[in-house]
N, C-alpha and C. Protein backbone atom coordinates (compact mmCIF):
# COMPACT_ATOMS: atom_id res chain seq x y z
N MET A 1 99.97 64.40 48.56
CA MET A 1 100.60 64.57 49.85
C MET A 1 100.00 65.82 50.50
N PRO A 2 99.60 65.71 51.79
CA PRO A 2 99.02 66.88 52.47
C PRO A 2 100.07 67.96 52.67
N ARG A 3 99.60 69.13 52.56
CA ARG A 3 100.46 70.29 52.76
C ARG A 3 100.60 70.59 54.25
N THR A 4 101.80 70.78 54.74
CA THR A 4 102.01 71.14 56.15
C THR A 4 102.58 72.53 56.22
N SER A 5 102.35 73.13 57.32
CA SER A 5 102.85 74.49 57.50
C SER A 5 103.54 74.60 58.84
N SER A 6 104.63 75.29 58.85
CA SER A 6 105.32 75.50 60.12
C SER A 6 104.58 76.52 60.99
N SER A 7 103.57 77.19 60.42
CA SER A 7 102.83 78.19 61.20
C SER A 7 102.02 77.56 62.32
N ALA A 8 101.77 76.25 62.23
CA ALA A 8 101.02 75.58 63.30
C ALA A 8 101.82 75.62 64.60
N THR A 9 103.13 75.57 64.50
CA THR A 9 103.92 75.60 65.73
C THR A 9 104.44 77.00 66.05
N VAL A 10 104.68 77.79 65.03
CA VAL A 10 105.24 79.11 65.24
C VAL A 10 104.15 80.17 65.34
N GLY A 11 103.08 80.01 64.60
CA GLY A 11 101.99 80.99 64.61
C GLY A 11 102.11 81.94 63.43
N GLN A 12 101.02 82.56 63.14
CA GLN A 12 100.99 83.55 62.07
C GLN A 12 101.80 84.77 62.49
N PRO A 13 102.29 85.53 61.52
CA PRO A 13 103.06 86.73 61.87
C PRO A 13 102.30 87.67 62.81
N TRP A 14 101.00 87.83 62.61
CA TRP A 14 100.25 88.72 63.48
C TRP A 14 100.15 88.17 64.90
N GLN A 15 100.12 86.82 65.04
CA GLN A 15 100.10 86.21 66.38
C GLN A 15 101.43 86.43 67.10
N ARG A 16 102.52 86.28 66.36
CA ARG A 16 103.84 86.53 66.94
C ARG A 16 103.96 87.99 67.35
N ALA A 17 103.45 88.87 66.52
CA ALA A 17 103.51 90.31 66.84
C ALA A 17 102.72 90.61 68.11
N ILE A 18 101.56 90.02 68.26
CA ILE A 18 100.73 90.24 69.46
C ILE A 18 101.44 89.70 70.70
N ARG A 19 102.01 88.48 70.57
CA ARG A 19 102.75 87.91 71.71
C ARG A 19 103.93 88.81 72.10
N THR A 20 104.64 89.31 71.11
CA THR A 20 105.78 90.20 71.38
C THR A 20 105.31 91.48 72.04
N LEU A 21 104.24 92.07 71.51
CA LEU A 21 103.70 93.31 72.08
C LEU A 21 103.23 93.10 73.51
N LEU A 22 102.51 92.01 73.77
CA LEU A 22 102.05 91.73 75.14
C LEU A 22 103.24 91.53 76.07
N GLY A 23 104.28 90.87 75.59
CA GLY A 23 105.48 90.69 76.41
C GLY A 23 106.12 92.02 76.75
N LEU A 24 106.16 92.93 75.79
CA LEU A 24 106.73 94.25 76.03
C LEU A 24 105.89 95.07 77.00
N LEU A 25 104.57 94.97 76.86
CA LEU A 25 103.67 95.75 77.72
C LEU A 25 103.55 95.18 79.13
N LEU A 26 103.50 93.87 79.25
CA LEU A 26 103.18 93.25 80.54
C LEU A 26 104.40 92.84 81.35
N ARG A 27 105.54 92.65 80.72
CA ARG A 27 106.73 92.25 81.47
C ARG A 27 107.54 93.48 81.84
N ARG A 28 106.93 94.32 82.63
CA ARG A 28 107.55 95.53 83.13
C ARG A 28 107.36 95.57 84.64
N PRO A 29 108.32 96.14 85.33
CA PRO A 29 108.12 96.29 86.78
C PRO A 29 106.93 97.20 87.07
N LEU A 30 106.25 96.90 88.15
CA LEU A 30 105.17 97.76 88.62
C LEU A 30 105.79 98.86 89.48
N VAL A 31 105.19 100.02 89.50
CA VAL A 31 105.74 101.14 90.26
C VAL A 31 104.80 101.47 91.42
N GLY A 32 105.38 101.58 92.59
CA GLY A 32 104.61 101.89 93.78
C GLY A 32 105.26 102.98 94.61
N VAL A 33 104.57 103.33 95.67
CA VAL A 33 105.06 104.35 96.58
C VAL A 33 105.06 103.77 97.99
N CYS A 34 106.07 104.12 98.75
CA CYS A 34 106.17 103.74 100.16
C CYS A 34 106.21 105.04 100.96
N VAL A 35 105.30 105.16 101.91
CA VAL A 35 105.15 106.40 102.67
C VAL A 35 105.73 106.20 104.06
N ILE A 36 106.63 107.08 104.44
CA ILE A 36 107.19 107.06 105.79
C ILE A 36 106.50 108.20 106.55
N PRO A 37 105.37 107.89 107.24
CA PRO A 37 104.57 108.93 107.87
C PRO A 37 105.05 109.29 109.27
N ILE A 38 105.29 110.58 109.45
CA ILE A 38 105.75 111.09 110.74
C ILE A 38 104.64 111.97 111.31
N LEU A 39 104.25 111.67 112.53
CA LEU A 39 103.20 112.45 113.21
C LEU A 39 103.82 113.68 113.87
N PRO A 40 102.98 114.65 114.26
CA PRO A 40 103.51 115.87 114.90
C PRO A 40 104.37 115.62 116.14
N ASP A 41 104.13 114.52 116.85
CA ASP A 41 104.95 114.22 118.04
C ASP A 41 106.29 113.56 117.69
N GLY A 42 106.55 113.34 116.39
CA GLY A 42 107.81 112.75 115.95
C GLY A 42 107.79 111.25 115.80
N SER A 43 106.69 110.60 116.17
CA SER A 43 106.61 109.15 116.03
C SER A 43 106.34 108.78 114.57
N VAL A 44 106.61 107.52 114.25
CA VAL A 44 106.39 107.01 112.90
C VAL A 44 105.24 106.01 112.95
N VAL A 45 104.48 105.95 111.87
CA VAL A 45 103.33 105.06 111.79
C VAL A 45 103.66 103.89 110.86
N LEU A 46 103.41 102.69 111.36
CA LEU A 46 103.58 101.47 110.57
C LEU A 46 102.29 100.68 110.59
N MET A 47 102.14 99.84 109.59
CA MET A 47 100.98 98.95 109.58
C MET A 47 101.46 97.51 109.58
N ARG A 48 100.65 96.64 110.15
CA ARG A 48 100.98 95.21 110.18
C ARG A 48 100.16 94.53 109.09
N ARG A 49 100.86 93.93 108.13
CA ARG A 49 100.22 93.32 106.97
C ARG A 49 99.44 92.08 107.37
N ARG A 50 98.26 91.91 106.79
CA ARG A 50 97.46 90.72 107.03
C ARG A 50 98.10 89.49 106.38
N ASP A 51 98.67 89.64 105.18
CA ASP A 51 99.17 88.47 104.45
C ASP A 51 100.44 87.87 105.05
N THR A 52 101.31 88.68 105.63
CA THR A 52 102.57 88.14 106.18
C THR A 52 102.68 88.28 107.69
N GLY A 53 101.87 89.16 108.28
CA GLY A 53 101.96 89.43 109.71
C GLY A 53 103.12 90.33 110.07
N LEU A 54 103.86 90.81 109.08
CA LEU A 54 105.02 91.67 109.33
C LEU A 54 104.62 93.13 109.26
N TRP A 55 105.43 93.98 109.86
CA TRP A 55 105.20 95.42 109.84
C TRP A 55 105.76 96.02 108.56
N CYS A 56 105.18 97.13 108.14
CA CYS A 56 105.66 97.80 106.94
C CYS A 56 105.21 99.26 106.95
N PHE A 57 105.82 100.03 106.09
CA PHE A 57 105.33 101.38 105.85
C PHE A 57 104.11 101.29 104.95
N PRO A 58 103.15 102.20 105.11
CA PRO A 58 102.00 102.19 104.21
C PRO A 58 102.45 102.48 102.78
N GLY A 59 101.67 102.01 101.84
CA GLY A 59 101.98 102.29 100.44
C GLY A 59 101.31 101.30 99.53
N GLY A 60 101.60 101.44 98.27
CA GLY A 60 101.02 100.54 97.28
C GLY A 60 101.33 101.03 95.88
N LEU A 61 100.69 100.38 94.93
CA LEU A 61 100.94 100.68 93.53
C LEU A 61 100.36 102.04 93.14
N ILE A 62 101.06 102.69 92.24
CA ILE A 62 100.57 103.95 91.69
C ILE A 62 99.57 103.61 90.60
N ASP A 63 98.38 104.17 90.70
CA ASP A 63 97.34 103.91 89.70
C ASP A 63 97.61 104.68 88.42
N TRP A 64 97.06 104.18 87.35
CA TRP A 64 97.14 104.86 86.05
C TRP A 64 96.58 106.27 86.21
N GLY A 65 97.32 107.26 85.75
CA GLY A 65 96.87 108.64 85.83
C GLY A 65 97.26 109.35 87.11
N GLU A 66 97.91 108.65 88.05
CA GLU A 66 98.34 109.27 89.30
C GLU A 66 99.82 109.64 89.24
N ASP A 67 100.18 110.67 89.99
CA ASP A 67 101.58 110.94 90.21
C ASP A 67 101.95 110.37 91.59
N VAL A 68 103.21 110.43 91.94
CA VAL A 68 103.68 109.83 93.20
C VAL A 68 102.99 110.47 94.41
N ALA A 69 102.88 111.80 94.41
CA ALA A 69 102.28 112.49 95.56
C ALA A 69 100.81 112.10 95.73
N THR A 70 100.08 112.01 94.63
CA THR A 70 98.66 111.64 94.70
C THR A 70 98.51 110.21 95.20
N ALA A 71 99.34 109.31 94.70
CA ALA A 71 99.29 107.92 95.16
C ALA A 71 99.64 107.83 96.64
N ALA A 72 100.62 108.61 97.09
CA ALA A 72 100.99 108.60 98.50
C ALA A 72 99.83 109.07 99.37
N ARG A 73 99.16 110.12 98.96
CA ARG A 73 98.00 110.62 99.72
C ARG A 73 96.89 109.56 99.79
N ARG A 74 96.60 108.97 98.64
CA ARG A 74 95.53 107.96 98.58
C ARG A 74 95.88 106.74 99.43
N GLU A 75 97.07 106.20 99.24
CA GLU A 75 97.46 104.99 99.98
C GLU A 75 97.51 105.24 101.49
N LEU A 76 98.05 106.36 101.90
CA LEU A 76 98.13 106.66 103.33
C LEU A 76 96.74 106.76 103.94
N ALA A 77 95.83 107.45 103.27
CA ALA A 77 94.46 107.58 103.78
C ALA A 77 93.75 106.23 103.78
N GLU A 78 93.89 105.47 102.70
CA GLU A 78 93.21 104.17 102.60
C GLU A 78 93.68 103.20 103.67
N GLU A 79 94.97 103.21 103.96
CA GLU A 79 95.52 102.19 104.85
C GLU A 79 95.60 102.61 106.30
N THR A 80 95.70 103.91 106.58
CA THR A 80 95.96 104.32 107.96
C THR A 80 95.02 105.40 108.49
N ASN A 81 94.17 105.95 107.64
CA ASN A 81 93.26 107.03 108.02
C ASN A 81 94.00 108.36 108.25
N LEU A 82 95.25 108.45 107.82
CA LEU A 82 96.03 109.67 108.00
C LEU A 82 96.00 110.53 106.74
N ASN A 83 96.25 111.81 106.93
CA ASN A 83 96.34 112.75 105.81
C ASN A 83 97.74 113.34 105.78
N ILE A 84 98.18 113.68 104.59
CA ILE A 84 99.50 114.29 104.43
C ILE A 84 99.37 115.80 104.60
N ALA A 85 100.07 116.33 105.60
CA ALA A 85 100.12 117.78 105.79
C ALA A 85 101.21 118.39 104.92
N LYS A 86 102.32 117.63 104.77
CA LYS A 86 103.44 118.12 103.98
C LYS A 86 104.27 116.93 103.52
N ILE A 87 104.70 116.99 102.28
CA ILE A 87 105.61 115.97 101.77
C ILE A 87 107.03 116.41 102.11
N GLY A 88 107.79 115.51 102.69
CA GLY A 88 109.17 115.80 103.06
C GLY A 88 110.12 115.45 101.93
N ARG A 89 111.10 114.66 102.25
CA ARG A 89 112.15 114.37 101.28
C ARG A 89 111.99 113.00 100.64
N LEU A 90 112.63 112.85 99.50
CA LEU A 90 112.76 111.55 98.87
C LEU A 90 113.75 110.74 99.70
N VAL A 91 113.38 109.52 100.04
CA VAL A 91 114.28 108.64 100.77
C VAL A 91 115.03 107.75 99.79
N GLY A 92 114.32 107.25 98.80
CA GLY A 92 115.01 106.42 97.82
C GLY A 92 114.08 105.83 96.79
N VAL A 93 114.73 105.28 95.78
CA VAL A 93 114.05 104.51 94.74
C VAL A 93 114.66 103.11 94.81
N TYR A 94 113.83 102.13 95.11
CA TYR A 94 114.27 100.76 95.34
C TYR A 94 113.74 99.89 94.19
N SER A 95 114.65 99.26 93.45
CA SER A 95 114.22 98.58 92.23
C SER A 95 114.74 97.16 92.09
N SER A 96 115.33 96.59 93.12
CA SER A 96 115.83 95.23 93.01
C SER A 96 114.69 94.28 92.65
N PRO A 97 114.90 93.41 91.68
CA PRO A 97 113.85 92.45 91.32
C PRO A 97 113.45 91.54 92.48
N GLN A 98 114.31 91.41 93.50
CA GLN A 98 114.01 90.55 94.65
C GLN A 98 113.36 91.30 95.82
N ARG A 99 113.10 92.59 95.69
CA ARG A 99 112.61 93.37 96.84
C ARG A 99 111.21 92.96 97.26
N ASP A 100 110.40 92.45 96.35
CA ASP A 100 109.04 92.01 96.66
C ASP A 100 108.89 90.60 96.12
N PRO A 101 108.57 89.63 96.97
CA PRO A 101 108.49 88.24 96.50
C PRO A 101 107.33 87.97 95.54
N ARG A 102 106.37 88.88 95.46
CA ARG A 102 105.20 88.64 94.61
C ARG A 102 105.44 88.99 93.15
N PHE A 103 106.20 90.03 92.91
CA PHE A 103 106.44 90.49 91.54
C PHE A 103 107.57 91.51 91.55
N HIS A 104 108.06 91.84 90.37
CA HIS A 104 109.11 92.86 90.27
C HIS A 104 108.45 94.23 90.37
N SER A 105 108.82 94.98 91.38
CA SER A 105 108.23 96.30 91.58
C SER A 105 109.32 97.30 91.92
N ILE A 106 109.06 98.52 91.54
CA ILE A 106 109.94 99.63 91.88
C ILE A 106 109.20 100.47 92.91
N CYS A 107 109.87 100.78 94.00
CA CYS A 107 109.23 101.52 95.08
C CYS A 107 109.91 102.88 95.25
N VAL A 108 109.11 103.92 95.24
CA VAL A 108 109.58 105.27 95.52
C VAL A 108 109.21 105.56 96.97
N ALA A 109 110.21 105.67 97.84
CA ALA A 109 109.97 105.89 99.26
C ALA A 109 110.13 107.38 99.58
N ILE A 110 109.09 107.92 100.23
CA ILE A 110 109.12 109.35 100.58
C ILE A 110 108.73 109.56 102.04
N GLU A 111 109.28 110.60 102.61
CA GLU A 111 108.94 111.04 103.96
C GLU A 111 107.73 111.96 103.84
N VAL A 112 106.78 111.79 104.75
CA VAL A 112 105.65 112.73 104.82
C VAL A 112 105.38 113.09 106.27
N PHE A 113 104.85 114.26 106.45
CA PHE A 113 104.40 114.70 107.77
C PHE A 113 102.89 114.58 107.74
N ALA A 114 102.36 113.76 108.65
CA ALA A 114 100.96 113.36 108.59
C ALA A 114 100.17 113.88 109.79
N THR A 115 98.87 113.97 109.57
CA THR A 115 97.94 114.35 110.63
C THR A 115 96.80 113.34 110.66
N GLY A 116 96.13 113.29 111.80
CA GLY A 116 95.00 112.39 111.96
C GLY A 116 95.26 111.37 113.03
N VAL A 117 94.30 110.48 113.19
CA VAL A 117 94.39 109.41 114.17
C VAL A 117 94.61 108.10 113.42
N PRO A 118 95.76 107.46 113.64
CA PRO A 118 96.03 106.22 112.91
C PRO A 118 95.03 105.12 113.28
N GLN A 119 94.50 104.47 112.27
CA GLN A 119 93.61 103.34 112.49
C GLN A 119 93.58 102.48 111.23
N VAL A 120 93.16 101.24 111.39
CA VAL A 120 93.01 100.33 110.26
C VAL A 120 91.78 100.76 109.46
N ASN A 121 91.99 101.11 108.22
CA ASN A 121 90.87 101.45 107.34
C ASN A 121 90.46 100.29 106.45
N ASP A 122 91.39 99.38 106.18
CA ASP A 122 91.10 98.24 105.32
C ASP A 122 91.54 96.96 106.02
N PRO A 123 90.61 96.30 106.74
CA PRO A 123 90.98 95.10 107.49
C PRO A 123 91.37 93.92 106.60
N THR A 124 91.08 93.99 105.31
CA THR A 124 91.53 92.91 104.42
C THR A 124 93.02 93.03 104.14
N GLU A 125 93.59 94.22 104.36
CA GLU A 125 95.02 94.45 104.11
C GLU A 125 95.85 94.53 105.38
N ALA A 126 95.28 95.12 106.42
CA ALA A 126 96.07 95.40 107.63
C ALA A 126 95.46 94.77 108.86
N LEU A 127 96.33 94.22 109.70
CA LEU A 127 95.91 93.71 111.01
C LEU A 127 95.93 94.82 112.04
N ALA A 128 96.86 95.77 111.88
CA ALA A 128 97.02 96.85 112.85
C ALA A 128 97.70 98.03 112.19
N VAL A 129 97.44 99.19 112.74
CA VAL A 129 98.15 100.42 112.40
C VAL A 129 98.56 101.03 113.73
N GLN A 130 99.84 101.34 113.87
CA GLN A 130 100.33 101.74 115.19
C GLN A 130 101.46 102.76 115.06
N THR A 131 101.59 103.61 116.07
CA THR A 131 102.71 104.54 116.12
C THR A 131 103.86 103.92 116.91
N PHE A 132 105.07 104.27 116.52
CA PHE A 132 106.28 103.75 117.17
C PHE A 132 107.30 104.87 117.31
N SER A 133 108.13 104.75 118.32
CA SER A 133 109.33 105.58 118.37
C SER A 133 110.27 105.00 117.31
N TRP A 134 111.24 105.80 116.90
CA TRP A 134 112.18 105.32 115.89
C TRP A 134 113.00 104.14 116.40
N SER A 135 113.38 104.17 117.66
CA SER A 135 114.17 103.06 118.21
C SER A 135 113.34 101.78 118.27
N ASP A 136 112.06 101.89 118.60
CA ASP A 136 111.19 100.71 118.60
C ASP A 136 110.95 100.20 117.18
N ALA A 137 110.79 101.10 116.23
CA ALA A 137 110.57 100.70 114.83
C ALA A 137 111.75 99.89 114.31
N GLU A 138 112.95 100.24 114.74
CA GLU A 138 114.15 99.52 114.28
C GLU A 138 114.19 98.07 114.75
N THR A 139 113.44 97.74 115.81
CA THR A 139 113.47 96.37 116.35
C THR A 139 112.39 95.48 115.75
N LEU A 140 111.50 96.03 114.97
CA LEU A 140 110.37 95.27 114.43
C LEU A 140 110.78 94.42 113.23
N PRO A 141 110.11 93.28 113.05
CA PRO A 141 110.31 92.52 111.81
C PRO A 141 109.55 93.23 110.68
N LEU A 142 110.30 93.76 109.71
CA LEU A 142 109.70 94.54 108.63
C LEU A 142 109.63 93.73 107.34
N ASP A 143 108.56 93.95 106.59
CA ASP A 143 108.33 93.22 105.34
C ASP A 143 109.12 93.81 104.19
N HIS A 144 109.24 93.01 103.13
CA HIS A 144 109.94 93.41 101.90
C HIS A 144 111.32 93.99 102.25
N ASP A 145 111.62 95.15 101.71
CA ASP A 145 112.90 95.79 101.99
C ASP A 145 112.72 97.03 102.86
N HIS A 146 111.67 97.05 103.67
CA HIS A 146 111.36 98.23 104.47
C HIS A 146 112.38 98.48 105.58
N ALA A 147 113.09 97.46 106.01
CA ALA A 147 114.18 97.69 106.97
C ALA A 147 115.26 98.55 106.32
N GLN A 148 115.51 98.33 105.03
CA GLN A 148 116.48 99.15 104.29
C GLN A 148 115.97 100.58 104.17
N HIS A 149 114.67 100.74 103.89
CA HIS A 149 114.08 102.09 103.82
C HIS A 149 114.28 102.81 105.15
N LEU A 150 114.01 102.11 106.24
CA LEU A 150 114.14 102.70 107.57
C LEU A 150 115.59 103.10 107.84
N GLN A 151 116.52 102.23 107.54
CA GLN A 151 117.94 102.54 107.79
C GLN A 151 118.39 103.72 106.92
N ASP A 152 117.97 103.74 105.67
CA ASP A 152 118.34 104.85 104.79
C ASP A 152 117.74 106.16 105.29
N TYR A 153 116.50 106.09 105.76
CA TYR A 153 115.85 107.30 106.28
C TYR A 153 116.60 107.83 107.51
N LEU A 154 116.88 106.94 108.44
CA LEU A 154 117.55 107.36 109.68
C LEU A 154 118.98 107.85 109.44
N ALA A 155 119.62 107.36 108.39
CA ALA A 155 120.98 107.79 108.04
C ALA A 155 120.96 109.04 107.15
N HIS A 156 119.77 109.55 106.87
CA HIS A 156 119.60 110.74 106.02
C HIS A 156 120.19 110.54 104.62
N ARG A 157 120.08 109.30 104.14
CA ARG A 157 120.55 108.98 102.79
C ARG A 157 119.40 109.15 101.80
N ILE A 158 119.75 109.46 100.59
CA ILE A 158 118.83 109.40 99.45
C ILE A 158 119.47 108.40 98.51
N VAL A 159 118.79 107.27 98.30
CA VAL A 159 119.42 106.17 97.55
C VAL A 159 118.63 105.84 96.28
N VAL A 160 119.35 105.31 95.34
CA VAL A 160 118.75 104.71 94.15
C VAL A 160 119.39 103.34 94.03
N LEU A 161 118.60 102.32 94.33
CA LEU A 161 119.10 100.94 94.33
C LEU A 161 118.31 100.09 93.36
C-alpha cells in the first residue's frame, strides 16, 4: 500500500513557518504622511489626483529609513514643488481600515508652512496643484478621508482615529 502524507495538503513545518512569517510581515498597515501646506499668504495648497480626479493634500508613504518629517519634505517637494519652511502642529493620526480603498494605511497628518511656487512635479500622479482659500477648500470634493483632515485642522483638533 502506498504511503500517504498529510504534508501534501498542509505543507512541511518550515513551509508553514514561512507562510506565518510572511503573513506577520506583510499583513500590516502601511504608514504615510499627509501634508497640510500653508503658504505665506495663508492659502492652502491641494493637488488633484490623476487616478480619481479628486482633490487631496499632498503626501504618501513613508519610505524605509525615513522619519515623518523627512517623508513630508520629500512628498511635498515631489508632488507640489514646495519646500517646508517650518513644521507646524500634528493634526491627527488616521488609521481606519476603510480610509483608503486601495489598502489599509495609517496616515499622520501634519500642518506645514511652505515656500515656493506650487506646480505639478509628477504628472503621472497629479492633474493639478493649486492654492485655495480655506472656505473654497471646504467646498471641494476631497479624496480618501481628507475632508475629515480639513475639518479637524480648521477646528484646531488633534485626533487619533
